[in-house]
Amino acid sequence: MALRAAQEAGDSATELQNVPKGILQISALMSFGRLHLAPMIPAFLKQYPRIELHLTMSDRVAEIIAEGVDVAVARERKH
């Protein structure tokens, strides 16, 4: 019985480690963020409640490294 309880405790700890958690910094162009990302945020946060989402929307392309951005959505520049 003690062995099974220890195994279950270990399984629960492993499960907690597999749950996504932490801060997710996203940068997107204003139009894309408003049309595509913003509507999905409530469902995303409901599915991943341990994620703290920081969404920055702007008409400029983010400086990914300098701003600590995890995901950036931008458009290709036309030449």
C-alpha atoms as a PDB file:
ATOM      1  CA  MET A   1       0.000   0.000   0.000  1.00  0.00           C
ATOM      2  CA  ALA A   2       2.803   2.457   0.831  1.00  0.00           C
ATOM      3  CA  LEU A   3       4.526   1.538  -2.425  1.00  0.00           C
ATOM      4  CA  ARG A   4       1.380   2.320  -4.414  1.00  0.00           C
ATOM      5  CA  ALA A   5       0.937   5.658  -2.595  1.00  0.00           C
ATOM      6  CA  ALA A   6       4.543   6.568  -3.376  1.00  0.00           C
ATOM      7  CA  GLN A   7       4.033   5.643  -7.035  1.00  0.00           C
ATOM      8  CA  GLU A   8       0.849   7.741  -7.235  1.00  0.00           C
ATOM      9  CA  ALA A   9       2.631  10.693  -5.625  1.00  0.00           C
ATOM     10  CA  GLY A  10       5.443  10.343  -8.157  1.00  0.00           C
ATOM     11  CA  ASP A  11       2.937  10.164 -11.014  1.00  0.00           C
ATOM     12  CA  SER A  12       1.191  13.318  -9.764  1.00  0.00           C
ATOM     13  CA  ALA A  13       4.492  15.191  -9.520  1.00  0.00           C
ATOM     14  CA  THR A  14       5.422  14.136 -13.069  1.00  0.00           C
ATOM     15  CA  GLU A  15       2.014  15.268 -14.310  1.00  0.00           C
ATOM     16  CA  LEU A  16       2.499  18.709 -12.717  1.00  0.00           C
ATOM     17  CA  GLN A  17       5.873  19.073 -14.416  1.00  0.00           C
ATOM     18  CA  ASN A  18       4.267  18.433 -17.810  1.00  0.00           C
ATOM     19  CA  VAL A  19       1.732  21.250 -17.378  1.00  0.00           C
ATOM     20  CA  PRO A  20       2.739  24.365 -19.357  1.00  0.00           C
ATOM     21  CA  LYS A  21       3.380  27.288 -17.019  1.00  0.00           C
ATOM     22  CA  GLY A  22       5.194  30.590 -16.968  1.00  0.00           C
ATOM     23  CA  ILE A  23       5.195  33.778 -18.985  1.00  0.00           C
ATOM     24  CA  LEU A  24       4.637  33.738 -22.742  1.00  0.00           C
ATOM     25  CA  GLN A  25       5.604  37.017 -24.420  1.00  0.00           C
ATOM     26  CA  ILE A  26       3.980  37.462 -27.844  1.00  0.00           C
ATOM     27  CA  SER A  27       4.457  40.388 -30.210  1.00  0.00           C
ATOM     28  CA  ALA A  28       2.161  40.844 -33.199  1.00  0.00           C
ATOM     29  CA  LEU A  29       1.232  43.452 -35.714  1.00  0.00           C
ATOM     30  CA  MET A  30      -1.824  45.378 -34.536  1.00  0.00           C
ATOM     31  CA  SER A  31      -4.185  44.218 -37.296  1.00  0.00           C
ATOM     32  CA  PHE A  32      -3.197  40.542 -36.991  1.00  0.00           C
ATOM     33  CA  GLY A  33      -3.372  40.620 -33.206  1.00  0.00           C
ATOM     34  CA  ARG A  34      -6.815  42.198 -33.140  1.00  0.00           C
ATOM     35  CA  LEU A  35      -8.278  39.963 -35.848  1.00  0.00           C
ATOM     36  CA  HIS A  36      -6.662  36.613 -35.077  1.00  0.00           C
ATOM     37  CA  LEU A  37      -4.952  36.457 -31.689  1.00  0.00           C
ATOM     38  CA  ALA A  38      -7.224  38.464 -29.390  1.00  0.00           C
ATOM     39  CA  PRO A  39     -10.314  36.305 -30.079  1.00  0.00           C
ATOM     40  CA  MET A  40      -8.365  33.139 -29.167  1.00  0.00           C
ATOM     41  CA  ILE A  41      -6.902  34.392 -25.875  1.00  0.00           C
ATOM     42  CA  PRO A  42      -9.797  33.464 -23.540  1.00  0.00           C
ATOM     43  CA  ALA A  43      -9.884  29.841 -24.760  1.00  0.00           C
ATOM     44  CA  PHE A  44      -6.082  29.592 -24.620  1.00  0.00           C
ATOM     45  CA  LEU A  45      -5.957  30.867 -21.037  1.00  0.00           C
ATOM     46  CA  LYS A  46      -8.791  28.542 -20.035  1.00  0.00           C
ATOM     47  CA  GLN A  47      -6.894  25.570 -21.463  1.00  0.00           C
ATOM     48  CA  TYR A  48      -3.545  26.704 -19.995  1.00  0.00           C
ATOM     49  CA  PRO A  49      -4.379  28.547 -16.764  1.00  0.00           C
ATOM     50  CA  ARG A  50      -0.775  28.496 -15.527  1.00  0.00           C
ATOM     51  CA  ILE A  51       0.434  30.531 -18.524  1.00  0.00           C
ATOM     52  CA  GLU A  52       0.740  34.272 -18.008  1.00  0.00           C
ATOM     53  CA  LEU A  53       0.267  35.772 -21.453  1.00  0.00           C
ATOM     54  CA  HIS A  54       1.841  39.111 -22.365  1.00  0.00           C
ATOM     55  CA  LEU A  55       0.617  40.258 -25.772  1.00  0.00           C
ATOM     56  CA  THR A  56       2.113  43.357 -27.347  1.00  0.00           C
ATOM     57  CA  MET A  57       0.417  44.655 -30.475  1.00  0.00           C
ATOM     58  CA  SER A  58       2.079  47.361 -32.534  1.00  0.00           C
ATOM     59  CA  ASP A  59       2.544  48.470 -36.112  1.00  0.00           C
ATOM     60  CA  ARG A  60       6.300  48.046 -35.779  1.00  0.00           C
ATOM     61  CA  VAL A  61       8.281  44.820 -35.887  1.00  0.00           C
ATOM     62  CA  ALA A  62       9.547  43.821 -32.441  1.00  0.00           C
ATOM     63  CA  GLU A  63      13.196  43.580 -31.485  1.00  0.00           C
ATOM     64  CA  ILE A  64      12.801  39.950 -30.468  1.00  0.00           C
ATOM     65  CA  ILE A  65      15.934  39.486 -28.367  1.00  0.00           C
ATOM     66  CA  ALA A  66      16.081  42.989 -26.881  1.00  0.00           C
ATOM     67  CA  GLU A  67      12.411  42.866 -25.862  1.00  0.00           C
ATOM     68  CA  GLY A  68      12.455  39.274 -24.592  1.00  0.00           C
ATOM     69  CA  VAL A  69       9.789  38.140 -27.055  1.00  0.00           C
ATOM     70  CA  ASP A  70       9.065  34.405 -27.254  1.00  0.00           C
ATOM     71  CA  VAL A  71       6.839  34.533 -30.354  1.00  0.00           C
ATOM     72  CA  ALA A  72       6.618  37.292 -32.945  1.00  0.00           C
ATOM     73  CA  VAL A  73       4.144  37.562 -35.798  1.00  0.00           C
ATOM     74  CA  ALA A  74       5.162  39.919 -38.605  1.00  0.00           C
ATOM     75  CA  ARG A  75       4.656  40.215 -42.302  1.00  0.00           C
ATOM     76  CA  GLU A  76       7.226  39.861 -45.007  1.00  0.00           C
ATOM     77  CA  ARG A  77       8.390  43.158 -46.393  1.00  0.00           C
ATOM     78  CA  LYS A  78       7.629  43.736 -50.065  1.00  0.00           C
ATOM     79  CA  HIS A  79      10.570  44.948 -52.120  1.00  0.00           C
END
